[in-house]
Amino acid sequence: MKLKTIINILIGLLLINLLSSLTYSQTSEIIVKGDTYFKLMRYKDAVAWYKLDSNKAEAQWKIARAYVCYGDNALAAEKEINFRKAVEAAKKCIAIEETNGNGHTWLAAALGNTAMYEGSKTKVRLCNQIKEELTRAITLNPKDDIAYSIFGSFYREIGHISWIEKQLALAFIGKIPDGTYEDSEKAFAKATALAPTIMRHWYELGLLYKYWGKNAQAVVAFNKAKACPVLISSDNNRVAEISIFLKDVQ
């Protein structure tokens, strides 16, 4: 092989490597730009940036997260469509990379929000799917505080259903997953230990104690929630609701 041919091949390989590194750098910058808008609570802008890198699992679960956060504070007529878009994005994340725990976590979150628009049988099916997704998320990442927090909310709501209601559901629409207030408390303990400055974890724990009739513990949890920074738009609603509760128990 002539020396000139060898040199041309080497130059070609160097150019390929250079282009690959530039693409990777650009991809990283795109997601970082989306993260910047997410932190500013400009969720639609965040989605627009993430979509520029939609072939990546990370971009898809972050799209799902942004749609959930936007849907939380959207007008009533806009909520469902955003939650369903979140489901689609989370499923795309899992299709790209099944072992991405965040995809499973945010699919659970999105399904929990779409469940309110479904009939009773579908709600029961979704409850079982949500539990499966959260279990998978924690298996993949035992330090996933969001998954534990959602599990806490999940078990709290299951625990709030009476035995009679569960038996009626079993007879007519299907088996509701097992779960108790104690299970909820354990899940929130994990979430708050892993991420003690996330308002949602403490707020949802406060709601558990409120359901449970343990107002003293609820006050402690709500005060800890109130001390956390506002990181997502729904935190503003939580602050307002905490103030109402604390005023009522005084």
C-alpha atoms as a PDB file:
ATOM      1  CA  MET A   1       0.000   0.000   0.000  1.00  0.00           C
ATOM      2  CA  LYS A   2       1.369   3.375  -0.972  1.00  0.00           C
ATOM      3  CA  LEU A   3       2.373   5.813   1.741  1.00  0.00           C
ATOM      4  CA  LYS A   4      -0.096   8.416   0.407  1.00  0.00           C
ATOM      5  CA  THR A   5      -2.993   5.930   0.676  1.00  0.00           C
ATOM      6  CA  ILE A   6      -2.059   5.059   4.266  1.00  0.00           C
ATOM      7  CA  ILE A   7      -1.904   8.748   5.189  1.00  0.00           C
ATOM      8  CA  ASN A   8      -5.335   9.361   3.620  1.00  0.00           C
ATOM      9  CA  ILE A   9      -6.825   6.456   5.596  1.00  0.00           C
ATOM     10  CA  LEU A  10      -5.340   7.756   8.849  1.00  0.00           C
ATOM     11  CA  ILE A  11      -6.638  11.257   8.155  1.00  0.00           C
ATOM     12  CA  GLY A  12     -10.084   9.795   7.437  1.00  0.00           C
ATOM     13  CA  LEU A  13     -10.079   7.899  10.744  1.00  0.00           C
ATOM     14  CA  LEU A  14      -9.012  11.022  12.622  1.00  0.00           C
ATOM     15  CA  LEU A  15     -11.836  13.026  11.039  1.00  0.00           C
ATOM     16  CA  ILE A  16     -14.382  10.342  12.001  1.00  0.00           C
ATOM     17  CA  ASN A  17     -13.162  10.390  15.601  1.00  0.00           C
ATOM     18  CA  LEU A  18     -13.240  14.181  15.660  1.00  0.00           C
ATOM     19  CA  LEU A  19     -16.803  14.305  14.296  1.00  0.00           C
ATOM     20  CA  SER A  20     -17.902  11.684  16.815  1.00  0.00           C
ATOM     21  CA  SER A  21     -16.490  13.707  19.696  1.00  0.00           C
ATOM     22  CA  LEU A  22     -18.135  16.878  18.401  1.00  0.00           C
ATOM     23  CA  THR A  23     -21.507  15.096  18.119  1.00  0.00           C
ATOM     24  CA  TYR A  24     -21.189  13.805  21.673  1.00  0.00           C
ATOM     25  CA  SER A  25     -20.289  17.293  22.900  1.00  0.00           C
ATOM     26  CA  GLN A  26     -23.232  18.816  21.051  1.00  0.00           C
ATOM     27  CA  THR A  27     -25.588  16.168  22.449  1.00  0.00           C
ATOM     28  CA  SER A  28     -24.433  16.884  25.989  1.00  0.00           C
ATOM     29  CA  GLU A  29     -24.895  20.606  25.492  1.00  0.00           C
ATOM     30  CA  ILE A  30     -28.430  20.085  24.172  1.00  0.00           C
ATOM     31  CA  ILE A  31     -29.500  18.144  27.258  1.00  0.00           C
ATOM     32  CA  VAL A  32     -27.746  20.607  29.557  1.00  0.00           C
ATOM     33  CA  LYS A  33     -29.605  23.435  27.828  1.00  0.00           C
ATOM     34  CA  GLY A  34     -32.876  21.594  28.421  1.00  0.00           C
ATOM     35  CA  ASP A  35     -31.917  21.131  32.075  1.00  0.00           C
ATOM     36  CA  THR A  36     -31.333  24.859  32.358  1.00  0.00           C
ATOM     37  CA  TYR A  37     -34.870  25.619  31.203  1.00  0.00           C
ATOM     38  CA  PHE A  38     -36.259  22.877  33.436  1.00  0.00           C
ATOM     39  CA  LYS A  39     -34.659  24.510  36.482  1.00  0.00           C
ATOM     40  CA  LEU A  40     -36.220  27.804  35.401  1.00  0.00           C
ATOM     41  CA  MET A  41     -39.602  25.953  35.357  1.00  0.00           C
ATOM     42  CA  ARG A  42     -39.951  26.726  31.650  1.00  0.00           C
ATOM     43  CA  TYR A  43     -41.071  23.197  30.899  1.00  0.00           C
ATOM     44  CA  LYS A  44     -42.170  23.661  27.299  1.00  0.00           C
ATOM     45  CA  ASP A  45     -38.791  25.186  26.435  1.00  0.00           C
ATOM     46  CA  ALA A  46     -37.063  22.311  28.210  1.00  0.00           C
ATOM     47  CA  VAL A  47     -39.048  19.796  26.152  1.00  0.00           C
ATOM     48  CA  ALA A  48     -38.144  21.620  22.931  1.00  0.00           C
ATOM     49  CA  TRP A  49     -34.438  21.272  23.717  1.00  0.00           C
ATOM     50  CA  TYR A  50     -34.660  17.663  24.864  1.00  0.00           C
ATOM     51  CA  LYS A  51     -36.472  16.755  21.644  1.00  0.00           C
ATOM     52  CA  LEU A  52     -33.418  17.859  19.664  1.00  0.00           C
ATOM     53  CA  ASP A  53     -31.728  14.776  21.109  1.00  0.00           C
ATOM     54  CA  SER A  54     -34.780  12.496  21.165  1.00  0.00           C
ATOM     55  CA  ASN A  55     -32.844   9.357  20.231  1.00  0.00           C
ATOM     56  CA  LYS A  56     -31.290   9.352  23.708  1.00  0.00           C
ATOM     57  CA  ALA A  57     -32.947   7.629  26.677  1.00  0.00           C
ATOM     58  CA  GLU A  58     -31.926  10.478  28.973  1.00  0.00           C
ATOM     59  CA  ALA A  59     -33.677  13.022  26.782  1.00  0.00           C
ATOM     60  CA  GLN A  60     -36.873  10.962  26.730  1.00  0.00           C
ATOM     61  CA  TRP A  61     -37.210  10.504  30.491  1.00  0.00           C
ATOM     62  CA  LYS A  62     -36.491  14.184  30.960  1.00  0.00           C
ATOM     63  CA  ILE A  63     -39.224  14.976  28.421  1.00  0.00           C
ATOM     64  CA  ALA A  64     -41.570  12.802  30.486  1.00  0.00           C
ATOM     65  CA  ARG A  65     -40.546  14.613  33.674  1.00  0.00           C
ATOM     66  CA  ALA A  66     -41.118  18.021  32.083  1.00  0.00           C
ATOM     67  CA  TYR A  67     -44.578  17.037  30.817  1.00  0.00           C
ATOM     68  CA  VAL A  68     -45.550  15.761  34.283  1.00  0.00           C
ATOM     69  CA  CYS A  69     -44.354  18.978  35.913  1.00  0.00           C
ATOM     70  CA  TYR A  70     -46.125  21.124  33.305  1.00  0.00           C
ATOM     71  CA  GLY A  71     -49.309  19.085  33.623  1.00  0.00           C
ATOM     72  CA  ASP A  72     -49.355  19.500  37.398  1.00  0.00           C
ATOM     73  CA  ASN A  73     -49.958  23.251  37.043  1.00  0.00           C
ATOM     74  CA  ALA A  74     -51.649  23.378  33.653  1.00  0.00           C
ATOM     75  CA  LEU A  75     -55.233  24.440  33.096  1.00  0.00           C
ATOM     76  CA  ALA A  76     -57.711  21.612  33.646  1.00  0.00           C
ATOM     77  CA  ALA A  77     -58.286  21.239  29.899  1.00  0.00           C
ATOM     78  CA  GLU A  78     -54.536  20.826  29.266  1.00  0.00           C
ATOM     79  CA  LYS A  79     -53.607  18.406  32.024  1.00  0.00           C
ATOM     80  CA  GLU A  80     -54.544  15.085  30.455  1.00  0.00           C
ATOM     81  CA  ILE A  81     -52.772  15.646  27.147  1.00  0.00           C
ATOM     82  CA  ASN A  82     -49.519  16.565  28.917  1.00  0.00           C
ATOM     83  CA  PHE A  83     -49.687  13.548  31.212  1.00  0.00           C
ATOM     84  CA  ARG A  84     -50.309  11.268  28.236  1.00  0.00           C
ATOM     85  CA  LYS A  85     -47.348  12.809  26.412  1.00  0.00           C
ATOM     86  CA  ALA A  86     -45.303  12.015  29.511  1.00  0.00           C
ATOM     87  CA  VAL A  87     -46.381   8.371  29.275  1.00  0.00           C
ATOM     88  CA  GLU A  88     -45.297   8.240  25.624  1.00  0.00           C
ATOM     89  CA  ALA A  89     -41.886   9.763  26.349  1.00  0.00           C
ATOM     90  CA  ALA A  90     -41.201   7.452  29.300  1.00  0.00           C
ATOM     91  CA  LYS A  91     -42.112   4.425  27.188  1.00  0.00           C
ATOM     92  CA  LYS A  92     -39.738   5.645  24.454  1.00  0.00           C
ATOM     93  CA  CYS A  93     -36.980   5.941  27.066  1.00  0.00           C
ATOM     94  CA  ILE A  94     -37.533   2.334  28.122  1.00  0.00           C
ATOM     95  CA  ALA A  95     -37.664   1.167  24.509  1.00  0.00           C
ATOM     96  CA  ILE A  96     -34.299   2.812  23.874  1.00  0.00           C
ATOM     97  CA  GLU A  97     -32.721   1.640  27.129  1.00  0.00           C
ATOM     98  CA  GLU A  98     -34.768  -0.737  29.277  1.00  0.00           C
ATOM     99  CA  THR A  99     -32.223  -0.557  32.091  1.00  0.00           C
ATOM    100  CA  ASN A 100     -32.676   3.204  32.521  1.00  0.00           C
ATOM    101  CA  GLY A 101     -34.352   3.410  35.927  1.00  0.00           C
ATOM    102  CA  ASN A 102     -35.494   6.983  35.400  1.00  0.00           C
ATOM    103  CA  GLY A 103     -37.646   5.841  32.503  1.00  0.00           C
ATOM    104  CA  HIS A 104     -39.509   3.431  34.781  1.00  0.00           C
ATOM    105  CA  THR A 105     -39.823   6.032  37.556  1.00  0.00           C
ATOM    106  CA  TRP A 106     -41.324   8.670  35.306  1.00  0.00           C
ATOM    107  CA  LEU A 107     -43.553   6.163  33.548  1.00  0.00           C
ATOM    108  CA  ALA A 108     -44.984   5.336  36.980  1.00  0.00           C
ATOM    109  CA  ALA A 109     -45.435   9.042  37.708  1.00  0.00           C
ATOM    110  CA  ALA A 110     -47.122   9.672  34.361  1.00  0.00           C
ATOM    111  CA  LEU A 111     -49.413   6.650  34.666  1.00  0.00           C
ATOM    112  CA  GLY A 112     -50.436   7.773  38.136  1.00  0.00           C
ATOM    113  CA  ASN A 113     -51.562  11.077  36.673  1.00  0.00           C
ATOM    114  CA  THR A 114     -53.413   9.571  33.695  1.00  0.00           C
ATOM    115  CA  ALA A 115     -55.251   7.086  35.927  1.00  0.00           C
ATOM    116  CA  MET A 116     -57.724   9.771  37.014  1.00  0.00           C
ATOM    117  CA  TYR A 117     -59.034   9.917  33.432  1.00  0.00           C
ATOM    118  CA  GLU A 118     -59.677   6.172  33.212  1.00  0.00           C
ATOM    119  CA  GLY A 119     -62.482   3.832  34.230  1.00  0.00           C
ATOM    120  CA  SER A 120     -62.372   1.620  37.323  1.00  0.00           C
ATOM    121  CA  LYS A 121     -60.985  -1.508  35.640  1.00  0.00           C
ATOM    122  CA  THR A 122     -58.237   0.446  33.920  1.00  0.00           C
ATOM    123  CA  LYS A 123     -57.390   2.190  37.197  1.00  0.00           C
ATOM    124  CA  VAL A 124     -56.820  -1.192  38.866  1.00  0.00           C
ATOM    125  CA  ARG A 125     -54.663  -2.360  35.947  1.00  0.00           C
ATOM    126  CA  LEU A 126     -52.638   0.841  36.125  1.00  0.00           C
ATOM    127  CA  CYS A 127     -52.157   0.438  39.888  1.00  0.00           C
ATOM    128  CA  ASN A 128     -50.509  -2.920  39.281  1.00  0.00           C
ATOM    129  CA  GLN A 129     -48.415  -1.525  36.435  1.00  0.00           C
ATOM    130  CA  ILE A 130     -47.298   1.450  38.512  1.00  0.00           C
ATOM    131  CA  LYS A 131     -46.133  -0.895  41.265  1.00  0.00           C
ATOM    132  CA  GLU A 132     -44.203  -2.972  38.704  1.00  0.00           C
ATOM    133  CA  GLU A 133     -42.527   0.111  37.221  1.00  0.00           C
ATOM    134  CA  LEU A 134     -41.484   1.455  40.625  1.00  0.00           C
ATOM    135  CA  THR A 135     -40.147  -1.934  41.676  1.00  0.00           C
ATOM    136  CA  ARG A 136     -38.117  -2.118  38.472  1.00  0.00           C
ATOM    137  CA  ALA A 137     -36.823   1.437  38.956  1.00  0.00           C
ATOM    138  CA  ILE A 138     -35.597   0.697  42.481  1.00  0.00           C
ATOM    139  CA  THR A 139     -34.057  -2.605  41.367  1.00  0.00           C
ATOM    140  CA  LEU A 140     -32.073  -0.692  38.758  1.00  0.00           C
ATOM    141  CA  ASN A 141     -31.227   2.171  41.125  1.00  0.00           C
ATOM    142  CA  PRO A 142     -31.659   1.552  44.865  1.00  0.00           C
ATOM    143  CA  LYS A 143     -30.902   5.252  45.468  1.00  0.00           C
ATOM    144  CA  ASP A 144     -33.817   6.566  43.397  1.00  0.00           C
ATOM    145  CA  ASP A 145     -35.480   8.907  45.891  1.00  0.00           C
ATOM    146  CA  ILE A 146     -38.230   9.867  43.430  1.00  0.00           C
ATOM    147  CA  ALA A 147     -39.280   6.231  43.005  1.00  0.00           C
ATOM    148  CA  TYR A 148     -39.414   5.746  46.788  1.00  0.00           C
ATOM    149  CA  SER A 149     -41.424   8.950  47.155  1.00  0.00           C
ATOM    150  CA  ILE A 150     -43.969   7.849  44.546  1.00  0.00           C
ATOM    151  CA  PHE A 151     -44.119   4.450  46.246  1.00  0.00           C
ATOM    152  CA  GLY A 152     -44.895   6.275  49.488  1.00  0.00           C
ATOM    153  CA  SER A 153     -47.816   8.107  47.876  1.00  0.00           C
ATOM    154  CA  PHE A 154     -48.950   4.895  46.195  1.00  0.00           C
ATOM    155  CA  TYR A 155     -49.010   2.884  49.437  1.00  0.00           C
ATOM    156  CA  ARG A 156     -50.711   5.755  51.270  1.00  0.00           C
ATOM    157  CA  GLU A 157     -53.599   5.810  48.808  1.00  0.00           C
ATOM    158  CA  ILE A 158     -53.861   1.994  48.799  1.00  0.00           C
ATOM    159  CA  GLY A 159     -53.828   2.010  52.603  1.00  0.00           C
ATOM    160  CA  HIS A 160     -56.654   4.556  52.583  1.00  0.00           C
ATOM    161  CA  ILE A 161     -58.960   2.049  50.859  1.00  0.00           C
ATOM    162  CA  SER A 162     -61.016   0.008  53.321  1.00  0.00           C
ATOM    163  CA  TRP A 163     -60.989  -3.809  53.371  1.00  0.00           C
ATOM    164  CA  ILE A 164     -64.627  -3.878  52.225  1.00  0.00           C
ATOM    165  CA  GLU A 165     -63.859  -1.608  49.283  1.00  0.00           C
ATOM    166  CA  LYS A 166     -60.939  -3.851  48.301  1.00  0.00           C
ATOM    167  CA  GLN A 167     -63.158  -6.936  48.402  1.00  0.00           C
ATOM    168  CA  LEU A 168     -65.786  -5.239  46.260  1.00  0.00           C
ATOM    169  CA  ALA A 169     -63.085  -4.200  43.803  1.00  0.00           C
ATOM    170  CA  LEU A 170     -61.780  -7.771  43.671  1.00  0.00           C
ATOM    171  CA  ALA A 171     -65.261  -9.078  42.893  1.00  0.00           C
ATOM    172  CA  PHE A 172     -66.102  -6.570  40.164  1.00  0.00           C
ATOM    173  CA  ILE A 173     -63.036  -4.853  38.710  1.00  0.00           C
ATOM    174  CA  GLY A 174     -59.890  -6.715  39.798  1.00  0.00           C
ATOM    175  CA  LYS A 175     -57.375  -7.062  42.623  1.00  0.00           C
ATOM    176  CA  ILE A 176     -55.970  -3.856  44.069  1.00  0.00           C
ATOM    177  CA  PRO A 177     -52.276  -4.182  45.055  1.00  0.00           C
ATOM    178  CA  ASP A 178     -51.461  -4.622  48.716  1.00  0.00           C
ATOM    179  CA  GLY A 179     -50.175  -1.644  50.695  1.00  0.00           C
ATOM    180  CA  THR A 180     -50.458  -0.050  54.107  1.00  0.00           C
ATOM    181  CA  TYR A 181     -49.705   3.209  55.883  1.00  0.00           C
ATOM    182  CA  GLU A 182     -46.695   1.460  57.406  1.00  0.00           C
ATOM    183  CA  ASP A 183     -45.409   0.594  53.916  1.00  0.00           C
ATOM    184  CA  SER A 184     -45.926   4.220  52.927  1.00  0.00           C
ATOM    185  CA  GLU A 185     -44.003   5.490  55.949  1.00  0.00           C
ATOM    186  CA  LYS A 186     -41.066   3.191  55.168  1.00  0.00           C
ATOM    187  CA  ALA A 187     -40.935   4.357  51.560  1.00  0.00           C
ATOM    188  CA  PHE A 188     -40.966   8.017  52.575  1.00  0.00           C
ATOM    189  CA  ALA A 189     -38.244   7.324  55.145  1.00  0.00           C
ATOM    190  CA  LYS A 190     -36.070   6.067  52.289  1.00  0.00           C
ATOM    191  CA  ALA A 191     -36.921   9.054  50.077  1.00  0.00           C
ATOM    192  CA  THR A 192     -36.226  11.680  52.754  1.00  0.00           C
ATOM    193  CA  ALA A 193     -32.968   9.984  53.766  1.00  0.00           C
ATOM    194  CA  LEU A 194     -31.738   9.918  50.172  1.00  0.00           C
ATOM    195  CA  ALA A 195     -32.855  13.480  49.306  1.00  0.00           C
ATOM    196  CA  PRO A 196     -33.710  15.492  52.446  1.00  0.00           C
ATOM    197  CA  THR A 197     -34.080  18.810  50.591  1.00  0.00           C
ATOM    198  CA  ILE A 198     -36.801  17.698  48.154  1.00  0.00           C
ATOM    199  CA  MET A 199     -40.076  19.274  49.237  1.00  0.00           C
ATOM    200  CA  ARG A 200     -42.321  16.626  47.739  1.00  0.00           C
ATOM    201  CA  HIS A 201     -40.964  13.858  49.968  1.00  0.00           C
ATOM    202  CA  TRP A 202     -41.708  15.693  53.224  1.00  0.00           C
ATOM    203  CA  TYR A 203     -45.011  17.109  51.990  1.00  0.00           C
ATOM    204  CA  GLU A 204     -46.329  13.700  50.947  1.00  0.00           C
ATOM    205  CA  LEU A 205     -45.148  12.251  54.260  1.00  0.00           C
ATOM    206  CA  GLY A 206     -47.106  15.013  55.992  1.00  0.00           C
ATOM    207  CA  LEU A 207     -50.210  13.994  54.034  1.00  0.00           C
ATOM    208  CA  LEU A 208     -49.705  10.404  55.171  1.00  0.00           C
ATOM    209  CA  TYR A 209     -49.656  11.448  58.824  1.00  0.00           C
ATOM    210  CA  LYS A 210     -52.697  13.653  58.218  1.00  0.00           C
ATOM    211  CA  TYR A 211     -54.593  10.659  56.766  1.00  0.00           C
ATOM    212  CA  TRP A 212     -53.363   8.563  59.675  1.00  0.00           C
ATOM    213  CA  GLY A 213     -54.615  11.056  62.265  1.00  0.00           C
ATOM    214  CA  LYS A 214     -51.069  11.697  63.515  1.00  0.00           C
ATOM    215  CA  ASN A 215     -51.165  15.482  63.461  1.00  0.00           C
ATOM    216  CA  ALA A 216     -48.036  16.000  65.564  1.00  0.00           C
ATOM    217  CA  GLN A 217     -45.929  14.030  63.078  1.00  0.00           C
ATOM    218  CA  ALA A 218     -47.697  15.777  60.196  1.00  0.00           C
ATOM    219  CA  VAL A 219     -46.698  19.177  61.588  1.00  0.00           C
ATOM    220  CA  VAL A 220     -43.055  18.077  61.791  1.00  0.00           C
ATOM    221  CA  ALA A 221     -43.085  16.748  58.224  1.00  0.00           C
ATOM    222  CA  PHE A 222     -44.852  19.825  56.824  1.00  0.00           C
ATOM    223  CA  ASN A 223     -42.423  22.174  58.554  1.00  0.00           C
ATOM    224  CA  LYS A 224     -39.517  20.258  57.036  1.00  0.00           C
ATOM    225  CA  ALA A 225     -41.204  20.498  53.640  1.00  0.00           C
ATOM    226  CA  LYS A 226     -41.679  24.246  54.089  1.00  0.00           C
ATOM    227  CA  ALA A 227     -37.951  24.644  54.752  1.00  0.00           C
ATOM    228  CA  CYS A 228     -37.045  23.020  51.423  1.00  0.00           C
ATOM    229  CA  PRO A 229     -36.299  25.095  48.312  1.00  0.00           C
ATOM    230  CA  VAL A 230     -38.919  25.515  45.576  1.00  0.00           C
ATOM    231  CA  LEU A 231     -37.492  23.450  42.721  1.00  0.00           C
ATOM    232  CA  ILE A 232     -40.538  22.730  40.558  1.00  0.00           C
ATOM    233  CA  SER A 233     -43.688  24.731  39.935  1.00  0.00           C
ATOM    234  CA  SER A 234     -45.947  22.433  41.974  1.00  0.00           C
ATOM    235  CA  ASP A 235     -43.825  23.204  45.052  1.00  0.00           C
ATOM    236  CA  ASN A 236     -45.495  26.621  45.166  1.00  0.00           C
ATOM    237  CA  ASN A 237     -48.871  24.913  45.593  1.00  0.00           C
ATOM    238  CA  ARG A 238     -47.421  22.727  48.314  1.00  0.00           C
ATOM    239  CA  VAL A 239     -46.188  25.754  50.255  1.00  0.00           C
ATOM    240  CA  ALA A 240     -49.680  27.284  50.142  1.00  0.00           C
ATOM    241  CA  GLU A 241     -51.355  24.040  51.255  1.00  0.00           C
ATOM    242  CA  ILE A 242     -48.841  23.559  54.078  1.00  0.00           C
ATOM    243  CA  SER A 243     -49.621  27.025  55.407  1.00  0.00           C
ATOM    244  CA  ILE A 244     -53.340  26.213  55.456  1.00  0.00           C
ATOM    245  CA  PHE A 245     -52.795  22.949  57.329  1.00  0.00           C
ATOM    246  CA  LEU A 246     -50.443  24.439  59.891  1.00  0.00           C
ATOM    247  CA  LYS A 247     -52.876  27.285  60.515  1.00  0.00           C
ATOM    248  CA  ASP A 248     -55.761  24.824  61.029  1.00  0.00           C
ATOM    249  CA  VAL A 249     -53.930  22.694  63.606  1.00  0.00           C
ATOM    250  CA  GLN A 250     -52.761  25.595  65.744  1.00  0.00           C
END
